[in-house]
């Protein structure tokens, strides 16, 4: 990685503009909560842990720019926590930092720094726990790992969630190859995950989303690793659209399907996946790409950004502190 995904620098937040990758590596300098909301909404920064950190820093920016005892502060906090509804990390970290307003802007910034450090440490722990689990499940041998969307450093702070596991396998010389899905409609797998895999010099081959279930059925995959935007109390998991299809393919093929997410993504207040609000991002991302229409003008579209995988299709949940083996009857209740 040429620069950290997100960091605080002299009163502003610096983050990699992910909309320009892989061709241009540009650092955005965010100086206001409104700019942070815009960056989150247009996916300049994305990934549940990363937008949680971004939201926390957005609250710190609000405390400095408009003051902590103003209506503008409350409005900024509300805008930040609602910038994207599906990932629980954003609202949780915004609320966590805003709750410290009585202690002043410096204390809010201190908490935002702590959240960033927690996510960084979580990525390392998830990589180790996930790699250990996979080698236990499929044997101590080179692994062919399928993954969807982007779950690396760009989605967190460093290393990542599911991609941290792949990186750890690679570092242990136990990765035969990664198999990232392109991830329609915004191609986060094609644009971002392949960029990160190249950075870590890991072996990989890119595939279209619809090829995933077939490759699973053909026996070309040893494990599926995904991230999560929200894990409900019963274990149902919201993740990038297309994840459910891969889970069905993995179940058919008898391939372990593992969700990797920090504890901050587990939401004990959401009972089941049916309660998770699924963001629909409108037709523009479906009917065209890069400013070019690929469908007739005026074509309507359905564009859910996420889907929900039921817990009975998930082999295990790996967090930064534990492994929950759903396949062994652990759960399905997920503790807070």
C-alpha atoms as a PDB file:
ATOM      1  CA  UNK A   1       0.000   0.000   0.000  1.00  0.00           C
ATOM      2  CA  UNK A   2       1.495   3.353  -0.968  1.00  0.00           C
ATOM      3  CA  UNK A   3      -0.376   5.224   1.791  1.00  0.00           C
ATOM      4  CA  UNK A   4      -2.627   4.268   4.729  1.00  0.00           C
ATOM      5  CA  UNK A   5      -6.272   3.902   3.780  1.00  0.00           C
ATOM      6  CA  UNK A   6      -7.282   6.572   6.293  1.00  0.00           C
ATOM      7  CA  UNK A   7      -5.342   8.704   8.761  1.00  0.00           C
ATOM      8  CA  UNK A   8      -5.536  12.005  10.652  1.00  0.00           C
ATOM      9  CA  UNK A   9      -2.982  14.566   9.497  1.00  0.00           C
ATOM     10  CA  UNK A  10      -2.717  18.038  11.044  1.00  0.00           C
ATOM     11  CA  UNK A  11      -6.427  18.638  11.543  1.00  0.00           C
ATOM     12  CA  UNK A  12      -7.715  16.900   8.419  1.00  0.00           C
ATOM     13  CA  UNK A  13      -8.437  13.332   7.377  1.00  0.00           C
ATOM     14  CA  UNK A  14      -6.398  11.886   4.546  1.00  0.00           C
ATOM     15  CA  UNK A  15      -7.858   8.923   2.701  1.00  0.00           C
ATOM     16  CA  UNK A  16      -7.271   7.105  -0.560  1.00  0.00           C
ATOM     17  CA  UNK A  17      -9.975   7.931  -3.132  1.00  0.00           C
ATOM     18  CA  UNK A  18     -11.081   4.406  -4.016  1.00  0.00           C
ATOM     19  CA  UNK A  19     -13.244   5.565  -6.908  1.00  0.00           C
ATOM     20  CA  UNK A  20     -10.070   6.303  -8.897  1.00  0.00           C
ATOM     21  CA  UNK A  21      -8.288   3.000  -8.310  1.00  0.00           C
ATOM     22  CA  UNK A  22      -6.554   1.073  -9.752  1.00  0.00           C
ATOM     23  CA  UNK A  23      -5.353   3.601 -12.303  1.00  0.00           C
ATOM     24  CA  UNK A  24      -4.878   6.661 -10.097  1.00  0.00           C
ATOM     25  CA  UNK A  25      -3.725   6.761  -6.483  1.00  0.00           C
ATOM     26  CA  UNK A  26      -4.998  10.069  -5.116  1.00  0.00           C
ATOM     27  CA  UNK A  27      -5.241  11.200  -1.505  1.00  0.00           C
ATOM     28  CA  UNK A  28      -8.333  13.171  -0.496  1.00  0.00           C
ATOM     29  CA  UNK A  29      -7.956  15.745   2.274  1.00  0.00           C
ATOM     30  CA  UNK A  30     -11.220  15.899   4.201  1.00  0.00           C
ATOM     31  CA  UNK A  31     -11.638  19.014   6.322  1.00  0.00           C
ATOM     32  CA  UNK A  32     -15.349  19.027   7.222  1.00  0.00           C
ATOM     33  CA  UNK A  33     -18.076  16.553   8.200  1.00  0.00           C
ATOM     34  CA  UNK A  34     -19.980  17.393   5.004  1.00  0.00           C
ATOM     35  CA  UNK A  35     -16.964  16.395   2.921  1.00  0.00           C
ATOM     36  CA  UNK A  36     -16.720  13.154   4.900  1.00  0.00           C
ATOM     37  CA  UNK A  37     -20.397  12.368   4.292  1.00  0.00           C
ATOM     38  CA  UNK A  38     -19.853  12.942   0.577  1.00  0.00           C
ATOM     39  CA  UNK A  39     -16.783  10.685   0.547  1.00  0.00           C
ATOM     40  CA  UNK A  40     -18.709   7.889   2.258  1.00  0.00           C
ATOM     41  CA  UNK A  41     -21.803   8.223   0.063  1.00  0.00           C
ATOM     42  CA  UNK A  42     -19.890   8.196  -3.221  1.00  0.00           C
ATOM     43  CA  UNK A  43     -17.665   5.307  -2.027  1.00  0.00           C
ATOM     44  CA  UNK A  44     -14.410   7.241  -2.025  1.00  0.00           C
ATOM     45  CA  UNK A  45     -14.027   5.332   1.220  1.00  0.00           C
ATOM     46  CA  UNK A  46     -15.919   2.100   1.755  1.00  0.00           C
ATOM     47  CA  UNK A  47     -15.830  -1.148   3.703  1.00  0.00           C
ATOM     48  CA  UNK A  48     -17.596  -1.472   7.043  1.00  0.00           C
ATOM     49  CA  UNK A  49     -14.548  -1.047   9.334  1.00  0.00           C
ATOM     50  CA  UNK A  50     -13.096   1.779   7.226  1.00  0.00           C
ATOM     51  CA  UNK A  51     -16.284   3.829   7.179  1.00  0.00           C
ATOM     52  CA  UNK A  52     -16.584   3.292  10.922  1.00  0.00           C
ATOM     53  CA  UNK A  53     -13.176   4.956  11.330  1.00  0.00           C
ATOM     54  CA  UNK A  54     -14.187   7.633   8.812  1.00  0.00           C
ATOM     55  CA  UNK A  55     -17.380   8.367  10.733  1.00  0.00           C
ATOM     56  CA  UNK A  56     -15.450   8.717  13.999  1.00  0.00           C
ATOM     57  CA  UNK A  57     -13.047  11.160  12.394  1.00  0.00           C
ATOM     58  CA  UNK A  58     -16.021  12.986  10.884  1.00  0.00           C
ATOM     59  CA  UNK A  59     -17.362  13.597  14.380  1.00  0.00           C
ATOM     60  CA  UNK A  60     -13.944  14.941  15.396  1.00  0.00           C
ATOM     61  CA  UNK A  61     -14.023  17.304  12.427  1.00  0.00           C
ATOM     62  CA  UNK A  62     -17.503  18.469  13.429  1.00  0.00           C
ATOM     63  CA  UNK A  63     -16.408  19.120  17.001  1.00  0.00           C
ATOM     64  CA  UNK A  64     -13.617  21.375  15.763  1.00  0.00           C
ATOM     65  CA  UNK A  65     -15.448  23.121  12.928  1.00  0.00           C
ATOM     66  CA  UNK A  66     -18.890  23.847  14.430  1.00  0.00           C
ATOM     67  CA  UNK A  67     -18.390  23.251  18.153  1.00  0.00           C
ATOM     68  CA  UNK A  68     -19.856  20.576  20.412  1.00  0.00           C
ATOM     69  CA  UNK A  69     -22.749  22.590  21.855  1.00  0.00           C
ATOM     70  CA  UNK A  70     -24.439  23.587  18.617  1.00  0.00           C
ATOM     71  CA  UNK A  71     -27.341  22.411  16.516  1.00  0.00           C
ATOM     72  CA  UNK A  72     -24.882  22.135  13.639  1.00  0.00           C
ATOM     73  CA  UNK A  73     -22.927  19.491  15.569  1.00  0.00           C
ATOM     74  CA  UNK A  74     -26.052  17.402  16.084  1.00  0.00           C
ATOM     75  CA  UNK A  75     -26.949  17.749  12.410  1.00  0.00           C
ATOM     76  CA  UNK A  76     -23.442  16.734  11.348  1.00  0.00           C
ATOM     77  CA  UNK A  77     -23.542  13.668  13.586  1.00  0.00           C
ATOM     78  CA  UNK A  78     -26.922  12.668  12.167  1.00  0.00           C
ATOM     79  CA  UNK A  79     -25.680  13.087   8.587  1.00  0.00           C
ATOM     80  CA  UNK A  80     -22.587  10.996   9.282  1.00  0.00           C
ATOM     81  CA  UNK A  81     -24.380   8.097  10.970  1.00  0.00           C
ATOM     82  CA  UNK A  82     -26.939   7.898   8.134  1.00  0.00           C
ATOM     83  CA  UNK A  83     -24.551   8.285   5.202  1.00  0.00           C
ATOM     84  CA  UNK A  84     -24.867   4.548   4.520  1.00  0.00           C
ATOM     85  CA  UNK A  85     -27.458   2.461   6.378  1.00  0.00           C
ATOM     86  CA  UNK A  86     -26.434  -1.194   6.043  1.00  0.00           C
ATOM     87  CA  UNK A  87     -23.020  -1.350   7.711  1.00  0.00           C
ATOM     88  CA  UNK A  88     -23.414  -1.191  11.493  1.00  0.00           C
ATOM     89  CA  UNK A  89     -19.864   0.094  12.060  1.00  0.00           C
ATOM     90  CA  UNK A  90     -20.622   3.585  10.758  1.00  0.00           C
ATOM     91  CA  UNK A  91     -23.498   4.402  13.112  1.00  0.00           C
ATOM     92  CA  UNK A  92     -21.823   2.599  16.004  1.00  0.00           C
ATOM     93  CA  UNK A  93     -18.540   4.521  15.779  1.00  0.00           C
ATOM     94  CA  UNK A  94     -20.265   7.855  15.139  1.00  0.00           C
ATOM     95  CA  UNK A  95     -22.372   7.323  18.254  1.00  0.00           C
ATOM     96  CA  UNK A  96     -19.361   6.175  20.275  1.00  0.00           C
ATOM     97  CA  UNK A  97     -17.390   9.332  19.555  1.00  0.00           C
ATOM     98  CA  UNK A  98     -20.338  11.749  19.711  1.00  0.00           C
ATOM     99  CA  UNK A  99     -21.209  10.419  23.175  1.00  0.00           C
ATOM    100  CA  UNK A 100     -17.998  12.052  24.422  1.00  0.00           C
ATOM    101  CA  UNK A 101     -18.981  15.573  23.366  1.00  0.00           C
ATOM    102  CA  UNK A 102     -19.123  16.757  26.985  1.00  0.00           C
ATOM    103  CA  UNK A 103     -15.416  15.921  27.299  1.00  0.00           C
ATOM    104  CA  UNK A 104     -14.435  18.233  24.464  1.00  0.00           C
ATOM    105  CA  UNK A 105     -13.021  17.961  20.929  1.00  0.00           C
ATOM    106  CA  UNK A 106      -9.640  16.583  22.029  1.00  0.00           C
ATOM    107  CA  UNK A 107     -11.285  13.628  23.791  1.00  0.00           C
ATOM    108  CA  UNK A 108     -13.427  12.929  20.720  1.00  0.00           C
ATOM    109  CA  UNK A 109     -10.324  12.877  18.514  1.00  0.00           C
ATOM    110  CA  UNK A 110      -8.548  10.631  20.998  1.00  0.00           C
ATOM    111  CA  UNK A 111     -11.425   8.150  20.745  1.00  0.00           C
ATOM    112  CA  UNK A 112     -11.365   8.275  16.944  1.00  0.00           C
ATOM    113  CA  UNK A 113      -7.648   7.444  17.023  1.00  0.00           C
ATOM    114  CA  UNK A 114      -8.428   4.536  19.363  1.00  0.00           C
ATOM    115  CA  UNK A 115     -11.060   3.188  16.959  1.00  0.00           C
ATOM    116  CA  UNK A 116      -8.556   3.290  14.110  1.00  0.00           C
ATOM    117  CA  UNK A 117      -5.973   1.420  16.185  1.00  0.00           C
ATOM    118  CA  UNK A 118      -8.559  -1.179  17.225  1.00  0.00           C
ATOM    119  CA  UNK A 119      -9.438  -1.909  13.601  1.00  0.00           C
ATOM    120  CA  UNK A 120      -5.762  -2.204  12.700  1.00  0.00           C
ATOM    121  CA  UNK A 121      -5.124  -4.735  15.467  1.00  0.00           C
ATOM    122  CA  UNK A 122      -8.322  -6.588  14.605  1.00  0.00           C
ATOM    123  CA  UNK A 123      -7.117  -7.178  11.044  1.00  0.00           C
ATOM    124  CA  UNK A 124      -3.973  -8.925  12.250  1.00  0.00           C
ATOM    125  CA  UNK A 125      -5.929 -11.120  14.670  1.00  0.00           C
ATOM    126  CA  UNK A 126      -8.545 -12.089  12.071  1.00  0.00           C
ATOM    127  CA  UNK A 127      -5.813 -13.094   9.643  1.00  0.00           C
ATOM    128  CA  UNK A 128      -4.245 -15.458  12.142  1.00  0.00           C
ATOM    129  CA  UNK A 129      -7.491 -16.971  13.425  1.00  0.00           C
ATOM    130  CA  UNK A 130      -8.897 -17.391   9.931  1.00  0.00           C
ATOM    131  CA  UNK A 131      -5.776 -19.015   8.518  1.00  0.00           C
ATOM    132  CA  UNK A 132      -5.627 -21.446  11.448  1.00  0.00           C
ATOM    133  CA  UNK A 133      -9.289 -22.373  10.933  1.00  0.00           C
ATOM    134  CA  UNK A 134      -8.903 -22.986   7.209  1.00  0.00           C
ATOM    135  CA  UNK A 135      -5.876 -25.227   7.594  1.00  0.00           C
ATOM    136  CA  UNK A 136      -7.791 -27.174  10.251  1.00  0.00           C
ATOM    137  CA  UNK A 137     -10.857 -27.510   8.001  1.00  0.00           C
ATOM    138  CA  UNK A 138      -9.221 -28.472   4.702  1.00  0.00           C
ATOM    139  CA  UNK A 139      -5.737 -29.622   5.656  1.00  0.00           C
ATOM    140  CA  UNK A 140      -2.297 -28.070   5.960  1.00  0.00           C
ATOM    141  CA  UNK A 141      -1.696 -27.577   2.252  1.00  0.00           C
ATOM    142  CA  UNK A 142      -1.792 -24.805  -0.372  1.00  0.00           C
ATOM    143  CA  UNK A 143      -5.286 -23.277  -0.404  1.00  0.00           C
ATOM    144  CA  UNK A 144      -7.461 -22.020  -3.267  1.00  0.00           C
ATOM    145  CA  UNK A 145      -9.524 -19.223  -1.701  1.00  0.00           C
ATOM    146  CA  UNK A 146     -12.491 -17.505  -3.362  1.00  0.00           C
ATOM    147  CA  UNK A 147     -13.560 -14.060  -2.182  1.00  0.00           C
ATOM    148  CA  UNK A 148     -16.002 -11.334  -3.203  1.00  0.00           C
ATOM    149  CA  UNK A 149     -15.876  -7.524  -3.117  1.00  0.00           C
ATOM    150  CA  UNK A 150     -12.917  -5.874  -1.405  1.00  0.00           C
ATOM    151  CA  UNK A 151     -11.996  -6.883   2.132  1.00  0.00           C
ATOM    152  CA  UNK A 152      -8.368  -5.758   2.309  1.00  0.00           C
ATOM    153  CA  UNK A 153      -6.627  -2.703   3.706  1.00  0.00           C
ATOM    154  CA  UNK A 154      -8.836  -0.414   1.621  1.00  0.00           C
ATOM    155  CA  UNK A 155     -11.879  -1.694   3.512  1.00  0.00           C
ATOM    156  CA  UNK A 156     -10.252  -1.368   6.936  1.00  0.00           C
ATOM    157  CA  UNK A 157      -7.000   0.382   7.866  1.00  0.00           C
ATOM    158  CA  UNK A 158      -4.351  -2.211   7.061  1.00  0.00           C
ATOM    159  CA  UNK A 159      -4.458  -5.869   5.937  1.00  0.00           C
ATOM    160  CA  UNK A 160      -8.262  -6.235   6.062  1.00  0.00           C
ATOM    161  CA  UNK A 161     -10.820  -8.877   7.058  1.00  0.00           C
ATOM    162  CA  UNK A 162     -11.245 -11.780   4.617  1.00  0.00           C
ATOM    163  CA  UNK A 163      -8.275 -10.580   2.582  1.00  0.00           C
ATOM    164  CA  UNK A 164      -6.188 -10.463   5.754  1.00  0.00           C
ATOM    165  CA  UNK A 165      -6.743 -14.219   6.022  1.00  0.00           C
ATOM    166  CA  UNK A 166      -5.609 -14.644   2.414  1.00  0.00           C
ATOM    167  CA  UNK A 167      -2.557 -12.471   3.095  1.00  0.00           C
ATOM    168  CA  UNK A 168      -1.690 -14.544   6.169  1.00  0.00           C
ATOM    169  CA  UNK A 169      -2.002 -17.773   4.172  1.00  0.00           C
ATOM    170  CA  UNK A 170       0.294 -16.254   1.554  1.00  0.00           C
ATOM    171  CA  UNK A 171       2.828 -15.240   4.193  1.00  0.00           C
ATOM    172  CA  UNK A 172       2.744 -18.795   5.577  1.00  0.00           C
ATOM    173  CA  UNK A 173       3.311 -20.201   2.074  1.00  0.00           C
ATOM    174  CA  UNK A 174      -0.125 -21.832   2.188  1.00  0.00           C
ATOM    175  CA  UNK A 175      -1.893 -19.909  -0.600  1.00  0.00           C
ATOM    176  CA  UNK A 176      -2.099 -21.695  -3.928  1.00  0.00           C
ATOM    177  CA  UNK A 177      -4.166 -18.876  -5.386  1.00  0.00           C
ATOM    178  CA  UNK A 178      -6.823 -16.306  -4.563  1.00  0.00           C
ATOM    179  CA  UNK A 179      -9.934 -16.257  -6.743  1.00  0.00           C
ATOM    180  CA  UNK A 180     -11.513 -12.792  -6.448  1.00  0.00           C
ATOM    181  CA  UNK A 181     -14.908 -12.184  -8.031  1.00  0.00           C
ATOM    182  CA  UNK A 182     -15.166  -8.995 -10.097  1.00  0.00           C
ATOM    183  CA  UNK A 183     -18.142  -7.855  -7.940  1.00  0.00           C
ATOM    184  CA  UNK A 184     -20.751  -6.116 -10.073  1.00  0.00           C
ATOM    185  CA  UNK A 185     -21.902  -3.434 -10.494  1.00  0.00           C
ATOM    186  CA  UNK A 186     -18.958  -1.317  -9.256  1.00  0.00           C
ATOM    187  CA  UNK A 187     -16.251  -3.958  -9.720  1.00  0.00           C
ATOM    188  CA  UNK A 188     -14.648  -3.611  -6.289  1.00  0.00           C
ATOM    189  CA  UNK A 189     -13.108  -7.060  -6.700  1.00  0.00           C
ATOM    190  CA  UNK A 190     -11.711  -6.265 -10.132  1.00  0.00           C
ATOM    191  CA  UNK A 191     -10.550  -2.722  -9.347  1.00  0.00           C
ATOM    192  CA  UNK A 192      -9.507  -2.965  -5.704  1.00  0.00           C
ATOM    193  CA  UNK A 193      -8.891  -6.547  -4.574  1.00  0.00           C
ATOM    194  CA  UNK A 194      -6.674  -7.353  -7.549  1.00  0.00           C
ATOM    195  CA  UNK A 195      -4.749  -4.114  -6.881  1.00  0.00           C
ATOM    196  CA  UNK A 196      -4.153  -5.220  -3.298  1.00  0.00           C
ATOM    197  CA  UNK A 197      -3.228  -8.777  -4.283  1.00  0.00           C
ATOM    198  CA  UNK A 198      -0.660  -7.381  -6.700  1.00  0.00           C
ATOM    199  CA  UNK A 199       0.730  -5.191  -3.908  1.00  0.00           C
ATOM    200  CA  UNK A 200       1.256  -8.266  -1.709  1.00  0.00           C
ATOM    201  CA  UNK A 201       2.644 -10.297  -4.650  1.00  0.00           C
ATOM    202  CA  UNK A 202       0.060 -13.033  -4.096  1.00  0.00           C
ATOM    203  CA  UNK A 203      -1.005 -15.483  -6.833  1.00  0.00           C
ATOM    204  CA  UNK A 204      -4.530 -14.847  -8.090  1.00  0.00           C
ATOM    205  CA  UNK A 205      -6.916 -15.092 -11.017  1.00  0.00           C
ATOM    206  CA  UNK A 206      -9.937 -12.809 -11.474  1.00  0.00           C
ATOM    207  CA  UNK A 207     -13.326 -14.234 -12.409  1.00  0.00           C
ATOM    208  CA  UNK A 208     -16.774 -12.888 -13.249  1.00  0.00           C
ATOM    209  CA  UNK A 209     -19.374 -13.149 -10.502  1.00  0.00           C
ATOM    210  CA  UNK A 210     -21.503 -15.709 -12.306  1.00  0.00           C
ATOM    211  CA  UNK A 211     -18.544 -18.093 -12.676  1.00  0.00           C
ATOM    212  CA  UNK A 212     -18.205 -18.512  -8.913  1.00  0.00           C
ATOM    213  CA  UNK A 213     -20.846 -21.201  -8.272  1.00  0.00           C
ATOM    214  CA  UNK A 214     -19.682 -23.223 -11.296  1.00  0.00           C
ATOM    215  CA  UNK A 215     -16.051 -23.223 -10.157  1.00  0.00           C
ATOM    216  CA  UNK A 216     -17.188 -24.305  -6.704  1.00  0.00           C
ATOM    217  CA  UNK A 217     -19.214 -27.168  -8.182  1.00  0.00           C
ATOM    218  CA  UNK A 218     -16.262 -28.187 -10.356  1.00  0.00           C
ATOM    219  CA  UNK A 219     -14.006 -28.564  -7.335  1.00  0.00           C
ATOM    220  CA  UNK A 220     -11.707 -25.640  -8.120  1.00  0.00           C
ATOM    221  CA  UNK A 221     -12.113 -23.945  -4.717  1.00  0.00           C
ATOM    222  CA  UNK A 222     -11.126 -25.053  -1.193  1.00  0.00           C
ATOM    223  CA  UNK A 223     -12.747 -22.266   0.822  1.00  0.00           C
ATOM    224  CA  UNK A 224     -14.869 -19.139   0.400  1.00  0.00           C
ATOM    225  CA  UNK A 225     -13.932 -16.109   2.487  1.00  0.00           C
ATOM    226  CA  UNK A 226     -16.163 -13.048   2.734  1.00  0.00           C
ATOM    227  CA  UNK A 227     -16.370  -9.947   4.837  1.00  0.00           C
ATOM    228  CA  UNK A 228     -19.542  -8.546   6.386  1.00  0.00           C
ATOM    229  CA  UNK A 229     -21.294  -5.231   6.713  1.00  0.00           C
ATOM    230  CA  UNK A 230     -23.502  -6.448   9.542  1.00  0.00           C
ATOM    231  CA  UNK A 231     -23.811  -9.746  11.410  1.00  0.00           C
ATOM    232  CA  UNK A 232     -27.218 -10.182  13.037  1.00  0.00           C
ATOM    233  CA  UNK A 233     -27.638 -11.740  16.476  1.00  0.00           C
ATOM    234  CA  UNK A 234     -28.641 -15.090  14.974  1.00  0.00           C
ATOM    235  CA  UNK A 235     -25.634 -15.134  12.607  1.00  0.00           C
ATOM    236  CA  UNK A 236     -27.371 -14.014   9.404  1.00  0.00           C
ATOM    237  CA  UNK A 237     -24.878 -11.838   7.561  1.00  0.00           C
ATOM    238  CA  UNK A 238     -25.238  -8.864   5.223  1.00  0.00           C
ATOM    239  CA  UNK A 239     -22.445  -8.472   2.699  1.00  0.00           C
ATOM    240  CA  UNK A 240     -21.887  -7.246  -0.842  1.00  0.00           C
ATOM    241  CA  UNK A 241     -24.536  -8.283  -3.359  1.00  0.00           C
ATOM    242  CA  UNK A 242     -23.616 -11.651  -4.857  1.00  0.00           C
ATOM    243  CA  UNK A 243     -22.439 -13.173  -1.582  1.00  0.00           C
ATOM    244  CA  UNK A 244     -25.661 -15.169  -1.120  1.00  0.00           C
ATOM    245  CA  UNK A 245     -25.215 -16.789  -4.540  1.00  0.00           C
ATOM    246  CA  UNK A 246     -21.683 -17.864  -3.650  1.00  0.00           C
ATOM    247  CA  UNK A 247     -22.912 -19.251  -0.313  1.00  0.00           C
ATOM    248  CA  UNK A 248     -25.490 -21.357  -2.131  1.00  0.00           C
ATOM    249  CA  UNK A 249     -22.808 -22.630  -4.495  1.00  0.00           C
ATOM    250  CA  UNK A 250     -20.482 -23.432  -1.604  1.00  0.00           C
ATOM    251  CA  UNK A 251     -23.225 -25.345   0.222  1.00  0.00           C
ATOM    252  CA  UNK A 252     -23.963 -27.375  -2.911  1.00  0.00           C
ATOM    253  CA  UNK A 253     -20.271 -28.183  -3.354  1.00  0.00           C
ATOM    254  CA  UNK A 254     -19.572 -28.879   0.326  1.00  0.00           C
ATOM    255  CA  UNK A 255     -16.972 -26.093   0.476  1.00  0.00           C
ATOM    256  CA  UNK A 256     -16.501 -24.175   3.758  1.00  0.00           C
ATOM    257  CA  UNK A 257     -18.014 -20.690   3.682  1.00  0.00           C
ATOM    258  CA  UNK A 258     -16.379 -18.421   6.256  1.00  0.00           C
ATOM    259  CA  UNK A 259     -17.356 -14.885   7.232  1.00  0.00           C
ATOM    260  CA  UNK A 260     -14.518 -12.714   8.553  1.00  0.00           C
ATOM    261  CA  UNK A 261     -15.453  -9.510  10.374  1.00  0.00           C
ATOM    262  CA  UNK A 262     -14.361  -7.611  13.484  1.00  0.00           C
ATOM    263  CA  UNK A 263     -16.452  -7.642  16.631  1.00  0.00           C
ATOM    264  CA  UNK A 264     -17.528  -4.102  15.738  1.00  0.00           C
ATOM    265  CA  UNK A 265     -19.580  -5.545  12.858  1.00  0.00           C
ATOM    266  CA  UNK A 266     -21.583  -7.914  15.079  1.00  0.00           C
ATOM    267  CA  UNK A 267     -24.936  -6.328  15.933  1.00  0.00           C
ATOM    268  CA  UNK A 268     -26.717  -7.976  18.853  1.00  0.00           C
ATOM    269  CA  UNK A 269     -29.546  -5.437  18.490  1.00  0.00           C
ATOM    270  CA  UNK A 270     -30.526  -6.825  15.077  1.00  0.00           C
ATOM    271  CA  UNK A 271     -32.210 -10.160  15.693  1.00  0.00           C
ATOM    272  CA  UNK A 272     -32.112 -11.631  12.175  1.00  0.00           C
ATOM    273  CA  UNK A 273     -31.094 -10.736   8.655  1.00  0.00           C
ATOM    274  CA  UNK A 274     -34.659  -9.783   7.789  1.00  0.00           C
ATOM    275  CA  UNK A 275     -34.263  -6.695   9.991  1.00  0.00           C
ATOM    276  CA  UNK A 276     -31.185  -5.385   8.171  1.00  0.00           C
ATOM    277  CA  UNK A 277     -31.891  -2.362   5.995  1.00  0.00           C
ATOM    278  CA  UNK A 278     -30.542  -3.032   2.501  1.00  0.00           C
ATOM    279  CA  UNK A 279     -29.333   0.043   0.659  1.00  0.00           C
ATOM    280  CA  UNK A 280     -30.554   0.440  -2.940  1.00  0.00           C
ATOM    281  CA  UNK A 281     -28.180   2.701  -4.833  1.00  0.00           C
ATOM    282  CA  UNK A 282     -30.427   3.474  -7.797  1.00  0.00           C
ATOM    283  CA  UNK A 283     -30.218   2.542 -11.476  1.00  0.00           C
ATOM    284  CA  UNK A 284     -27.174   4.545 -12.609  1.00  0.00           C
ATOM    285  CA  UNK A 285     -24.625   1.967 -11.398  1.00  0.00           C
ATOM    286  CA  UNK A 286     -26.454  -0.835 -13.243  1.00  0.00           C
ATOM    287  CA  UNK A 287     -27.251   0.771 -16.586  1.00  0.00           C
ATOM    288  CA  UNK A 288     -23.759   2.097 -17.206  1.00  0.00           C
ATOM    289  CA  UNK A 289     -20.182   2.223 -15.997  1.00  0.00           C
ATOM    290  CA  UNK A 290     -17.542   4.932 -16.002  1.00  0.00           C
ATOM    291  CA  UNK A 291     -19.971   7.459 -17.434  1.00  0.00           C
ATOM    292  CA  UNK A 292     -20.899   5.264 -20.410  1.00  0.00           C
ATOM    293  CA  UNK A 293     -24.405   3.842 -20.792  1.00  0.00           C
ATOM    294  CA  UNK A 294     -24.540   0.102 -21.394  1.00  0.00           C
ATOM    295  CA  UNK A 295     -28.344  -0.080 -21.478  1.00  0.00           C
ATOM    296  CA  UNK A 296     -30.896   2.047 -23.341  1.00  0.00           C
ATOM    297  CA  UNK A 297     -31.455   5.483 -21.848  1.00  0.00           C
ATOM    298  CA  UNK A 298     -34.222   5.421 -19.237  1.00  0.00           C
ATOM    299  CA  UNK A 299     -33.850   1.732 -18.395  1.00  0.00           C
ATOM    300  CA  UNK A 300     -35.191   1.060 -14.879  1.00  0.00           C
ATOM    301  CA  UNK A 301     -33.133  -1.136 -12.547  1.00  0.00           C
ATOM    302  CA  UNK A 302     -33.066  -2.735  -9.129  1.00  0.00           C
ATOM    303  CA  UNK A 303     -29.726  -2.167  -7.410  1.00  0.00           C
ATOM    304  CA  UNK A 304     -29.427  -3.608  -3.892  1.00  0.00           C
ATOM    305  CA  UNK A 305     -25.866  -2.969  -2.700  1.00  0.00           C
ATOM    306  CA  UNK A 306     -25.979  -5.926  -0.307  1.00  0.00           C
ATOM    307  CA  UNK A 307     -27.674  -9.254   0.261  1.00  0.00           C
ATOM    308  CA  UNK A 308     -28.160 -11.403   3.358  1.00  0.00           C
ATOM    309  CA  UNK A 309     -26.703 -14.901   3.719  1.00  0.00           C
ATOM    310  CA  UNK A 310     -28.652 -17.071   6.204  1.00  0.00           C
ATOM    311  CA  UNK A 311     -26.628 -18.518   9.070  1.00  0.00           C
ATOM    312  CA  UNK A 312     -27.340 -22.092   7.997  1.00  0.00           C
ATOM    313  CA  UNK A 313     -25.200 -21.513   4.882  1.00  0.00           C
ATOM    314  CA  UNK A 314     -22.241 -20.201   6.909  1.00  0.00           C
ATOM    315  CA  UNK A 315     -19.600 -22.589   8.237  1.00  0.00           C
ATOM    316  CA  UNK A 316     -18.044 -20.187  10.713  1.00  0.00           C
ATOM    317  CA  UNK A 317     -17.683 -16.579  11.764  1.00  0.00           C
ATOM    318  CA  UNK A 318     -14.145 -15.371  12.453  1.00  0.00           C
ATOM    319  CA  UNK A 319     -13.770 -12.160  14.436  1.00  0.00           C
ATOM    320  CA  UNK A 320     -10.705 -10.587  15.992  1.00  0.00           C
ATOM    321  CA  UNK A 321     -11.392 -12.408  19.260  1.00  0.00           C
ATOM    322  CA  UNK A 322     -13.027 -15.735  18.498  1.00  0.00           C
ATOM    323  CA  UNK A 323     -14.171 -18.325  16.012  1.00  0.00           C
ATOM    324  CA  UNK A 324     -17.835 -19.368  16.058  1.00  0.00           C
ATOM    325  CA  UNK A 325     -18.345 -22.729  14.354  1.00  0.00           C
ATOM    326  CA  UNK A 326     -21.951 -22.679  13.181  1.00  0.00           C
ATOM    327  CA  UNK A 327     -21.373 -26.072  11.555  1.00  0.00           C
ATOM    328  CA  UNK A 328     -20.767 -27.516  15.034  1.00  0.00           C
ATOM    329  CA  UNK A 329     -23.860 -25.988  16.514  1.00  0.00           C
ATOM    330  CA  UNK A 330     -22.065 -23.089  18.182  1.00  0.00           C
ATOM    331  CA  UNK A 331     -24.756 -20.460  18.151  1.00  0.00           C
ATOM    332  CA  UNK A 332     -26.562 -19.501  16.097  1.00  0.00           C
ATOM    333  CA  UNK A 333     -26.820 -16.794  18.768  1.00  0.00           C
ATOM    334  CA  UNK A 334     -23.970 -14.320  18.343  1.00  0.00           C
ATOM    335  CA  UNK A 335     -23.019 -12.637  21.620  1.00  0.00           C
ATOM    336  CA  UNK A 336     -22.500  -8.858  21.726  1.00  0.00           C
END
